[in-house]
């Protein structure tokens, strides 16, 4: 889904996908008209602003479609999400390059899993924050 520019720190344990606290990972994506059309069909959110181009021929990207960017990092790390909170600050349009930086805020080891809390900030090409988010989940211990 996205193009990683960095994958952040990993725990010392070999083969582990568990990040270290403070690790930062980045993913970038330029959403296309086809992305928005597919998401509209899949989600049923076919509001005029998502299916009718603006004066520049762009479609407004669904907030939840932008919200999947941090999950690229979570997927690489095999995170099972428990909570996700998103705040949408500015609109995103097709053709805009979005960079999302995910920071691992906390990692707590338990007997059978790691509990992980992360935060994300996604910015457009002008450096403006378009979305901020927080995530909590678990990474199961590898056997």
Protein backbone atom coordinates (compact mmCIF):
# COMPACT_ATOMS: atom_id res chain seq x y z
CA UNK A 1 0.00 0.00 0.00
CA UNK A 2 2.71 2.49 0.83
CA UNK A 3 6.36 2.96 0.11
CA UNK A 4 8.46 2.74 3.28
CA UNK A 5 11.19 5.29 3.69
CA UNK A 6 12.30 3.95 7.07
CA UNK A 7 11.22 1.08 9.25
CA UNK A 8 12.24 2.33 12.68
CA UNK A 9 14.01 0.44 15.43
CA UNK A 10 13.36 -3.18 16.21
CA UNK A 11 13.74 -5.01 19.51
CA UNK A 12 17.02 -6.78 20.10
CA UNK A 13 15.44 -10.24 19.90
CA UNK A 14 16.39 -11.73 16.52
CA UNK A 15 13.52 -12.12 14.06
CA UNK A 16 11.24 -10.00 16.21
CA UNK A 17 8.87 -7.42 14.77
CA UNK A 18 8.62 -5.64 18.10
CA UNK A 19 9.72 -2.01 17.85
CA UNK A 20 11.68 -0.25 20.55
CA UNK A 21 10.21 2.73 22.38
CA UNK A 22 10.96 5.88 20.41
CA UNK A 23 11.32 4.01 17.12
CA UNK A 24 10.03 5.97 14.14
CA UNK A 25 8.84 4.44 10.88
CA UNK A 26 7.63 6.30 7.81
CA UNK A 27 5.31 5.40 4.97
CA UNK A 28 4.34 7.51 1.95
CA UNK A 29 1.44 7.28 -0.45
CA UNK A 30 -0.16 9.26 -3.24
CA UNK A 31 -3.83 8.30 -3.42
CA UNK A 32 -5.30 7.92 -6.90
CA UNK A 33 -8.77 8.40 -8.30
CA UNK A 34 -9.04 4.60 -8.56
CA UNK A 35 -8.16 4.24 -4.85
CA UNK A 36 -10.97 6.62 -3.87
CA UNK A 37 -13.48 5.02 -6.23
CA UNK A 38 -12.69 1.53 -4.91
CA UNK A 39 -12.89 2.67 -1.29
CA UNK A 40 -16.22 4.42 -1.97
CA UNK A 41 -17.63 1.22 -3.48
CA UNK A 42 -16.26 -0.95 -0.67
CA UNK A 43 -17.32 1.33 2.20
CA UNK A 44 -20.57 2.57 0.71
CA UNK A 45 -19.44 6.14 1.43
CA UNK A 46 -20.28 7.70 -1.90
CA UNK A 47 -20.86 11.25 -0.75
CA UNK A 48 -20.71 13.78 -3.58
CA UNK A 49 -17.36 15.12 -2.30
CA UNK A 50 -15.82 11.66 -2.84
CA UNK A 51 -17.24 10.94 -6.29
CA UNK A 52 -17.48 14.37 -7.94
CA UNK A 53 -14.14 15.99 -8.92
CA UNK A 54 -13.35 19.48 -7.68
CA UNK A 55 -12.41 22.36 -10.02
CA UNK A 56 -8.93 20.85 -10.39
CA UNK A 57 -10.28 17.39 -11.29
CA UNK A 58 -9.32 15.87 -7.94
CA UNK A 59 -11.41 13.72 -5.62
CA UNK A 60 -11.48 14.19 -1.86
CA UNK A 61 -9.84 11.14 -0.25
CA UNK A 62 -11.90 9.46 2.48
CA UNK A 63 -10.52 10.15 5.94
CA UNK A 64 -10.50 6.47 6.80
CA UNK A 65 -8.55 5.73 3.62
CA UNK A 66 -5.88 8.17 4.81
CA UNK A 67 -6.21 6.49 8.21
CA UNK A 68 -4.90 3.19 6.84
CA UNK A 69 -1.41 4.60 6.27
CA UNK A 70 -0.15 3.88 9.80
CA UNK A 71 -1.54 0.35 9.55
CA UNK A 72 1.13 -0.39 6.94
CA UNK A 73 3.68 -0.16 9.76
CA UNK A 74 1.45 -2.11 12.14
CA UNK A 75 1.06 -4.85 9.56
CA UNK A 76 4.81 -5.18 9.13
CA UNK A 77 5.09 -5.63 12.87
CA UNK A 78 2.13 -8.04 13.16
CA UNK A 79 0.25 -5.73 15.52
CA UNK A 80 -3.26 -6.83 16.48
CA UNK A 81 -4.99 -3.50 16.98
CA UNK A 82 -7.23 -2.87 19.98
CA UNK A 83 -7.90 0.84 19.62
CA UNK A 84 -7.39 3.46 16.91
CA UNK A 85 -8.14 7.15 17.25
CA UNK A 86 -7.88 9.54 14.31
CA UNK A 87 -8.12 13.30 14.09
CA UNK A 88 -8.47 14.76 10.60
CA UNK A 89 -7.02 18.26 10.30
CA UNK A 90 -7.03 19.06 6.58
CA UNK A 91 -8.53 17.51 3.46
CA UNK A 92 -6.47 15.18 1.29
CA UNK A 93 -7.03 15.08 -2.47
CA UNK A 94 -6.03 12.59 -5.11
CA UNK A 95 -2.57 13.31 -6.47
CA UNK A 96 -1.21 14.69 -3.18
CA UNK A 97 1.78 12.88 -1.67
CA UNK A 98 1.13 12.06 1.99
CA UNK A 99 3.94 11.13 4.38
CA UNK A 100 2.99 9.42 7.61
CA UNK A 101 5.42 9.13 10.50
CA UNK A 102 4.61 6.53 13.17
CA UNK A 103 6.34 6.74 16.55
CA UNK A 104 6.36 3.86 19.04
CA UNK A 105 5.47 5.50 22.35
CA UNK A 106 5.35 2.49 24.68
CA UNK A 107 6.26 -1.20 24.60
CA UNK A 108 5.37 -3.40 27.58
CA UNK A 109 6.36 -7.05 27.59
CA UNK A 110 3.88 -9.54 29.06
CA UNK A 111 4.15 -13.32 29.40
CA UNK A 112 2.60 -14.02 25.97
CA UNK A 113 2.64 -10.70 24.16
CA UNK A 114 3.95 -7.16 23.89
CA UNK A 115 1.52 -4.30 24.45
CA UNK A 116 2.36 -1.48 22.05
CA UNK A 117 1.16 2.13 21.90
CA UNK A 118 2.02 4.31 18.92
CA UNK A 119 1.20 7.73 17.57
CA UNK A 120 1.17 8.96 13.99
CA UNK A 121 1.33 12.27 12.16
CA UNK A 122 0.56 12.43 8.45
CA UNK A 123 1.53 15.47 6.41
CA UNK A 124 0.94 16.66 2.86
CA UNK A 125 3.63 17.87 0.45
CA UNK A 126 3.50 21.33 2.03
CA UNK A 127 4.31 19.90 5.46
CA UNK A 128 0.81 20.58 6.76
CA UNK A 129 -0.62 18.01 9.18
CA UNK A 130 -3.59 16.31 7.55
CA UNK A 131 -4.16 13.63 10.20
CA UNK A 132 -2.89 12.66 13.63
CA UNK A 133 -3.65 9.37 15.29
CA UNK A 134 -2.96 7.06 18.20
CA UNK A 135 -3.02 3.27 18.24
CA UNK A 136 -2.82 0.56 20.86
CA UNK A 137 -2.47 -3.14 20.24
CA UNK A 138 -0.54 -6.30 20.91
CA UNK A 139 2.20 -8.28 19.24
CA UNK A 140 2.11 -11.94 20.21
CA UNK A 141 5.37 -13.58 21.24
CA UNK A 142 7.01 -15.61 18.51
CA UNK A 143 7.58 -19.24 19.44
